[in-house]
């Protein structure tokens, strides 16, 4: 299963479970695409709480 198939499957599951006006958590917010999708499902009166963790990698030159 490639990435687009997994995303499509997850969106279908979300469509079947998320109700307008509900409260939801996006615990894996990355680039925001799925967050925006979830917000659309939750609707104007819904609430989506985001958890975002930035993990910066540092390159250390070897001498």
PDB file of N, CA and C in Angstrom:
ATOM      1  N   UNK A   1       0.859  -1.171   0.000  1.00  0.00           N
ATOM      2  CA  UNK A   1       0.000   0.000   0.000  1.00  0.00           C
ATOM      3  C   UNK A   1       0.908   1.237   0.000  1.00  0.00           C
ATOM      4  N   UNK A   2       0.721   2.122  -0.973  1.00  0.00           N
ATOM      5  CA  UNK A   2       1.552   3.323  -0.986  1.00  0.00           C
ATOM      6  C   UNK A   2       0.917   4.434  -0.152  1.00  0.00           C
ATOM      7  N   UNK A   3       1.646   5.520  -0.006  1.00  0.00           N
ATOM      8  CA  UNK A   3       1.232   6.624   0.878  1.00  0.00           C
ATOM      9  C   UNK A   3      -0.132   7.191   0.509  1.00  0.00           C
ATOM     10  N   UNK A   4      -0.394   7.371  -0.774  1.00  0.00           N
ATOM     11  CA  UNK A   4      -1.679   7.959  -1.171  1.00  0.00           C
ATOM     12  C   UNK A   4      -2.836   7.014  -0.861  1.00  0.00           C
ATOM     13  N   UNK A   5      -2.615   5.714  -0.952  1.00  0.00           N
ATOM     14  CA  UNK A   5      -3.658   4.745  -0.616  1.00  0.00           C
ATOM     15  C   UNK A   5      -3.953   4.773   0.886  1.00  0.00           C
ATOM     16  N   UNK A   6      -2.919   4.871   1.690  1.00  0.00           N
ATOM     17  CA  UNK A   6      -3.097   4.920   3.141  1.00  0.00           C
ATOM     18  C   UNK A   6      -3.847   6.187   3.525  1.00  0.00           C
ATOM     19  N   UNK A   7      -3.450   7.319   2.936  1.00  0.00           N
ATOM     20  CA  UNK A   7      -4.124   8.588   3.218  1.00  0.00           C
ATOM     21  C   UNK A   7      -5.587   8.513   2.824  1.00  0.00           C
ATOM     22  N   UNK A   8      -5.869   7.969   1.670  1.00  0.00           N
ATOM     23  CA  UNK A   8      -7.261   7.833   1.209  1.00  0.00           C
ATOM     24  C   UNK A   8      -8.054   6.970   2.181  1.00  0.00           C
ATOM     25  N   UNK A   9      -7.487   5.854   2.608  1.00  0.00           N
ATOM     26  CA  UNK A   9      -8.166   4.957   3.544  1.00  0.00           C
ATOM     27  C   UNK A   9      -8.436   5.679   4.865  1.00  0.00           C
ATOM     28  N   UNK A  10      -7.436   6.410   5.377  1.00  0.00           N
ATOM     29  CA  UNK A  10      -7.610   7.151   6.642  1.00  0.00           C
ATOM     30  C   UNK A  10      -8.699   8.209   6.515  1.00  0.00           C
ATOM     31  N   UNK A  11      -8.740   8.897   5.392  1.00  0.00           N
ATOM     32  CA  UNK A  11      -9.772   9.911   5.181  1.00  0.00           C
ATOM     33  C   UNK A  11     -11.163   9.284   5.135  1.00  0.00           C
ATOM     34  N   UNK A  12     -11.274   8.122   4.543  1.00  0.00           N
ATOM     35  CA  UNK A  12     -12.566   7.430   4.507  1.00  0.00           C
ATOM     36  C   UNK A  12     -13.023   7.042   5.915  1.00  0.00           C
ATOM     37  N   UNK A  13     -12.093   6.552   6.723  1.00  0.00           N
ATOM     38  CA  UNK A  13     -12.420   6.203   8.110  1.00  0.00           C
ATOM     39  C   UNK A  13     -12.855   7.452   8.866  1.00  0.00           C
ATOM     40  N   UNK A  14     -12.116   8.538   8.682  1.00  0.00           N
ATOM     41  CA  UNK A  14     -12.462   9.793   9.359  1.00  0.00           C
ATOM     42  C   UNK A  14     -13.841  10.289   8.924  1.00  0.00           C
ATOM     43  N   UNK A  15     -14.127  10.207   7.631  1.00  0.00           N
ATOM     44  CA  UNK A  15     -15.450  10.640   7.127  1.00  0.00           C
ATOM     45  C   UNK A  15     -16.581   9.862   7.799  1.00  0.00           C
ATOM     46  N   UNK A  16     -16.329   8.599   8.090  1.00  0.00           N
ATOM     47  CA  UNK A  16     -17.390   7.760   8.670  1.00  0.00           C
ATOM     48  C   UNK A  16     -17.567   8.000  10.168  1.00  0.00           C
ATOM     49  N   UNK A  17     -16.582   8.605  10.830  1.00  0.00           N
ATOM     50  CA  UNK A  17     -16.631   8.742  12.281  1.00  0.00           C
ATOM     51  C   UNK A  17     -16.809  10.170  12.781  1.00  0.00           C
ATOM     52  N   UNK A  18     -16.267  11.146  12.056  1.00  0.00           N
ATOM     53  CA  UNK A  18     -16.275  12.539  12.515  1.00  0.00           C
ATOM     54  C   UNK A  18     -17.636  13.176  12.250  1.00  0.00           C
ATOM     55  N   UNK A  19     -18.198  13.754  13.273  1.00  0.00           N
ATOM     56  CA  UNK A  19     -19.495  14.426  13.165  1.00  0.00           C
ATOM     57  C   UNK A  19     -19.303  15.929  13.251  1.00  0.00           C
ATOM     58  N   UNK A  20     -20.080  16.675  12.490  1.00  0.00           N
ATOM     59  CA  UNK A  20     -20.028  18.139  12.530  1.00  0.00           C
ATOM     60  C   UNK A  20     -20.296  18.617  13.953  1.00  0.00           C
ATOM     61  N   UNK A  21     -19.531  19.619  14.387  1.00  0.00           N
ATOM     62  CA  UNK A  21     -19.729  20.196  15.705  1.00  0.00           C
ATOM     63  C   UNK A  21     -19.004  19.480  16.825  1.00  0.00           C
ATOM     64  N   UNK A  22     -18.285  18.400  16.508  1.00  0.00           N
ATOM     65  CA  UNK A  22     -17.588  17.642  17.544  1.00  0.00           C
ATOM     66  C   UNK A  22     -16.233  18.234  17.901  1.00  0.00           C
ATOM     67  N   UNK A  23     -15.607  17.634  18.883  1.00  0.00           N
ATOM     68  CA  UNK A  23     -14.266  18.030  19.317  1.00  0.00           C
ATOM     69  C   UNK A  23     -13.301  16.909  18.971  1.00  0.00           C
ATOM     70  N   UNK A  24     -12.180  17.286  18.348  1.00  0.00           N
ATOM     71  CA  UNK A  24     -11.229  16.291  17.856  1.00  0.00           C
ATOM     72  C   UNK A  24      -9.801  16.734  18.134  1.00  0.00           C
ATOM     73  N   UNK A  25      -8.885  15.772  18.129  1.00  0.00           N
ATOM     74  CA  UNK A  25      -7.467  16.039  18.342  1.00  0.00           C
ATOM     75  C   UNK A  25      -6.693  15.533  17.139  1.00  0.00           C
ATOM     76  N   UNK A  26      -5.828  16.379  16.598  1.00  0.00           N
ATOM     77  CA  UNK A  26      -4.865  15.962  15.590  1.00  0.00           C
ATOM     78  C   UNK A  26      -3.528  15.873  16.316  1.00  0.00           C
ATOM     79  N   UNK A  27      -3.167  14.661  16.702  1.00  0.00           N
ATOM     80  CA  UNK A  27      -1.964  14.458  17.513  1.00  0.00           C
ATOM     81  C   UNK A  27      -0.710  14.293  16.659  1.00  0.00           C
ATOM     82  N   UNK A  28      -0.855  14.378  15.351  1.00  0.00           N
ATOM     83  CA  UNK A  28       0.305  14.191  14.471  1.00  0.00           C
ATOM     84  C   UNK A  28       0.398  15.307  13.445  1.00  0.00           C
ATOM     85  N   UNK A  29       0.040  16.522  13.844  1.00  0.00           N
ATOM     86  CA  UNK A  29       0.046  17.607  12.876  1.00  0.00           C
ATOM     87  C   UNK A  29       1.431  17.773  12.284  1.00  0.00           C
ATOM     88  N   UNK A  30       1.487  17.702  10.991  1.00  0.00           N
ATOM     89  CA  UNK A  30       2.758  17.894  10.294  1.00  0.00           C
ATOM     90  C   UNK A  30       2.662  19.110   9.402  1.00  0.00           C
ATOM     91  N   UNK A  31       2.365  18.863   8.125  1.00  0.00           N
ATOM     92  CA  UNK A  31       2.264  19.968   7.172  1.00  0.00           C
ATOM     93  C   UNK A  31       0.882  20.608   7.143  1.00  0.00           C
ATOM     94  N   UNK A  32      -0.061  20.033   7.855  1.00  0.00           N
ATOM     95  CA  UNK A  32      -1.376  20.648   7.999  1.00  0.00           C
ATOM     96  C   UNK A  32      -2.449  20.175   7.037  1.00  0.00           C
ATOM     97  N   UNK A  33      -2.109  19.329   6.081  1.00  0.00           N
ATOM     98  CA  UNK A  33      -3.099  18.876   5.101  1.00  0.00           C
ATOM     99  C   UNK A  33      -4.224  18.073   5.751  1.00  0.00           C
ATOM    100  N   UNK A  34      -3.858  17.129   6.607  1.00  0.00           N
ATOM    101  CA  UNK A  34      -4.885  16.328   7.283  1.00  0.00           C
ATOM    102  C   UNK A  34      -5.624  17.148   8.334  1.00  0.00           C
ATOM    103  N   UNK A  35      -4.943  18.120   8.923  1.00  0.00           N
ATOM    104  CA  UNK A  35      -5.582  19.017   9.887  1.00  0.00           C
ATOM    105  C   UNK A  35      -6.688  19.809   9.207  1.00  0.00           C
ATOM    106  N   UNK A  36      -6.392  20.327   8.037  1.00  0.00           N
ATOM    107  CA  UNK A  36      -7.382  21.079   7.271  1.00  0.00           C
ATOM    108  C   UNK A  36      -8.559  20.180   6.886  1.00  0.00           C
ATOM    109  N   UNK A  37      -8.264  18.949   6.493  1.00  0.00           N
ATOM    110  CA  UNK A  37      -9.308  17.980   6.166  1.00  0.00           C
ATOM    111  C   UNK A  37     -10.201  17.733   7.382  1.00  0.00           C
ATOM    112  N   UNK A  38      -9.594  17.526   8.553  1.00  0.00           N
ATOM    113  CA  UNK A  38     -10.341  17.279   9.779  1.00  0.00           C
ATOM    114  C   UNK A  38     -11.183  18.491  10.162  1.00  0.00           C
ATOM    115  N   UNK A  39     -10.633  19.682  10.008  1.00  0.00           N
ATOM    116  CA  UNK A  39     -11.391  20.902  10.307  1.00  0.00           C
ATOM    117  C   UNK A  39     -12.618  21.006   9.415  1.00  0.00           C
ATOM    118  N   UNK A  40     -12.472  20.648   8.156  1.00  0.00           N
ATOM    119  CA  UNK A  40     -13.611  20.665   7.238  1.00  0.00           C
ATOM    120  C   UNK A  40     -14.697  19.703   7.677  1.00  0.00           C
ATOM    121  N   UNK A  41     -14.300  18.540   8.176  1.00  0.00           N
ATOM    122  CA  UNK A  41     -15.284  17.567   8.659  1.00  0.00           C
ATOM    123  C   UNK A  41     -15.948  18.030   9.950  1.00  0.00           C
ATOM    124  N   UNK A  42     -15.177  18.644  10.832  1.00  0.00           N
ATOM    125  CA  UNK A  42     -15.701  19.102  12.122  1.00  0.00           C
ATOM    126  C   UNK A  42     -16.661  20.280  11.942  1.00  0.00           C
ATOM    127  N   UNK A  43     -16.445  21.067  10.905  1.00  0.00           N
ATOM    128  CA  UNK A  43     -17.356  22.162  10.601  1.00  0.00           C
ATOM    129  C   UNK A  43     -17.097  23.414  11.415  1.00  0.00           C
ATOM    130  N   UNK A  44     -17.889  24.419  11.113  1.00  0.00           N
ATOM    131  CA  UNK A  44     -17.732  25.739  11.717  1.00  0.00           C
ATOM    132  C   UNK A  44     -17.881  25.721  13.230  1.00  0.00           C
ATOM    133  N   UNK A  45     -18.741  24.873  13.750  1.00  0.00           N
ATOM    134  CA  UNK A  45     -18.972  24.806  15.200  1.00  0.00           C
ATOM    135  C   UNK A  45     -18.142  23.728  15.889  1.00  0.00           C
ATOM    136  N   UNK A  46     -17.320  23.019  15.127  1.00  0.00           N
ATOM    137  CA  UNK A  46     -16.469  21.982  15.697  1.00  0.00           C
ATOM    138  C   UNK A  46     -15.182  22.561  16.237  1.00  0.00           C
ATOM    139  N   UNK A  47     -14.409  21.723  16.893  1.00  0.00           N
ATOM    140  CA  UNK A  47     -13.139  22.156  17.463  1.00  0.00           C
ATOM    141  C   UNK A  47     -12.092  21.098  17.183  1.00  0.00           C
ATOM    142  N   UNK A  48     -10.948  21.537  16.667  1.00  0.00           N
ATOM    143  CA  UNK A  48      -9.815  20.643  16.426  1.00  0.00           C
ATOM    144  C   UNK A  48      -8.630  21.181  17.211  1.00  0.00           C
ATOM    145  N   UNK A  49      -8.112  20.372  18.119  1.00  0.00           N
ATOM    146  CA  UNK A  49      -6.942  20.724  18.911  1.00  0.00           C
ATOM    147  C   UNK A  49      -5.734  20.074  18.266  1.00  0.00           C
ATOM    148  N   UNK A  50      -4.660  20.847  18.124  1.00  0.00           N
ATOM    149  CA  UNK A  50      -3.468  20.366  17.435  1.00  0.00           C
ATOM    150  C   UNK A  50      -2.339  20.107  18.403  1.00  0.00           C
ATOM    151  N   UNK A  51      -1.587  19.062  18.117  1.00  0.00           N
ATOM    152  CA  UNK A  51      -0.346  18.799  18.827  1.00  0.00           C
ATOM    153  C   UNK A  51       0.735  18.787  17.758  1.00  0.00           C
ATOM    154  N   UNK A  52       1.680  19.709  17.903  1.00  0.00           N
ATOM    155  CA  UNK A  52       2.742  19.845  16.907  1.00  0.00           C
ATOM    156  C   UNK A  52       4.077  19.794  17.606  1.00  0.00           C
ATOM    157  N   UNK A  53       4.915  18.950  17.128  1.00  0.00           N
ATOM    158  CA  UNK A  53       6.257  18.849  17.708  1.00  0.00           C
ATOM    159  C   UNK A  53       7.261  18.970  16.583  1.00  0.00           C
ATOM    160  N   UNK A  54       8.066  19.981  16.666  1.00  0.00           N
ATOM    161  CA  UNK A  54       9.100  20.190  15.667  1.00  0.00           C
ATOM    162  C   UNK A  54      10.369  19.495  16.137  1.00  0.00           C
ATOM    163  N   UNK A  55      10.901  18.688  15.299  1.00  0.00           N
ATOM    164  CA  UNK A  55      12.127  17.976  15.626  1.00  0.00           C
ATOM    165  C   UNK A  55      13.175  18.381  14.593  1.00  0.00           C
ATOM    166  N   UNK A  56      14.014  19.285  14.982  1.00  0.00           N
ATOM    167  CA  UNK A  56      15.046  19.760  14.056  1.00  0.00           C
ATOM    168  C   UNK A  56      16.291  18.894  14.180  1.00  0.00           C
ATOM    169  N   UNK A  57      16.798  18.523  13.038  1.00  0.00           N
ATOM    170  CA  UNK A  57      18.035  17.770  13.016  1.00  0.00           C
ATOM    171  C   UNK A  57      19.197  18.728  12.760  1.00  0.00           C
ATOM    172  N   UNK A  58      20.263  18.482  13.452  1.00  0.00           N
ATOM    173  CA  UNK A  58      21.441  19.327  13.248  1.00  0.00           C
ATOM    174  C   UNK A  58      22.527  18.490  12.607  1.00  0.00           C
ATOM    175  N   UNK A  59      23.211  19.122  11.697  1.00  0.00           N
ATOM    176  CA  UNK A  59      24.352  18.488  11.058  1.00  0.00           C
ATOM    177  C   UNK A  59      25.617  18.991  11.736  1.00  0.00           C
ATOM    178  N   UNK A  60      26.424  18.080  12.169  1.00  0.00           N
ATOM    179  CA  UNK A  60      27.694  18.466  12.792  1.00  0.00           C
ATOM    180  C   UNK A  60      28.811  17.975  11.868  1.00  0.00           C
ATOM    181  N   UNK A  61      29.578  18.926  11.316  1.00  0.00           N
ATOM    182  CA  UNK A  61      30.644  18.522  10.394  1.00  0.00           C
ATOM    183  C   UNK A  61      31.722  17.717  11.114  1.00  0.00           C
ATOM    184  N   UNK A  62      32.175  16.686  10.460  1.00  0.00           N
ATOM    185  CA  UNK A  62      33.272  15.885  11.013  1.00  0.00           C
ATOM    186  C   UNK A  62      34.588  16.465  10.530  1.00  0.00           C
ATOM    187  N   UNK A  63      35.516  16.656  11.456  1.00  0.00           N
ATOM    188  CA  UNK A  63      36.824  17.240  11.100  1.00  0.00           C
ATOM    189  C   UNK A  63      37.828  16.178  10.811  1.00  0.00           C
TER     190      UNK A  63
END
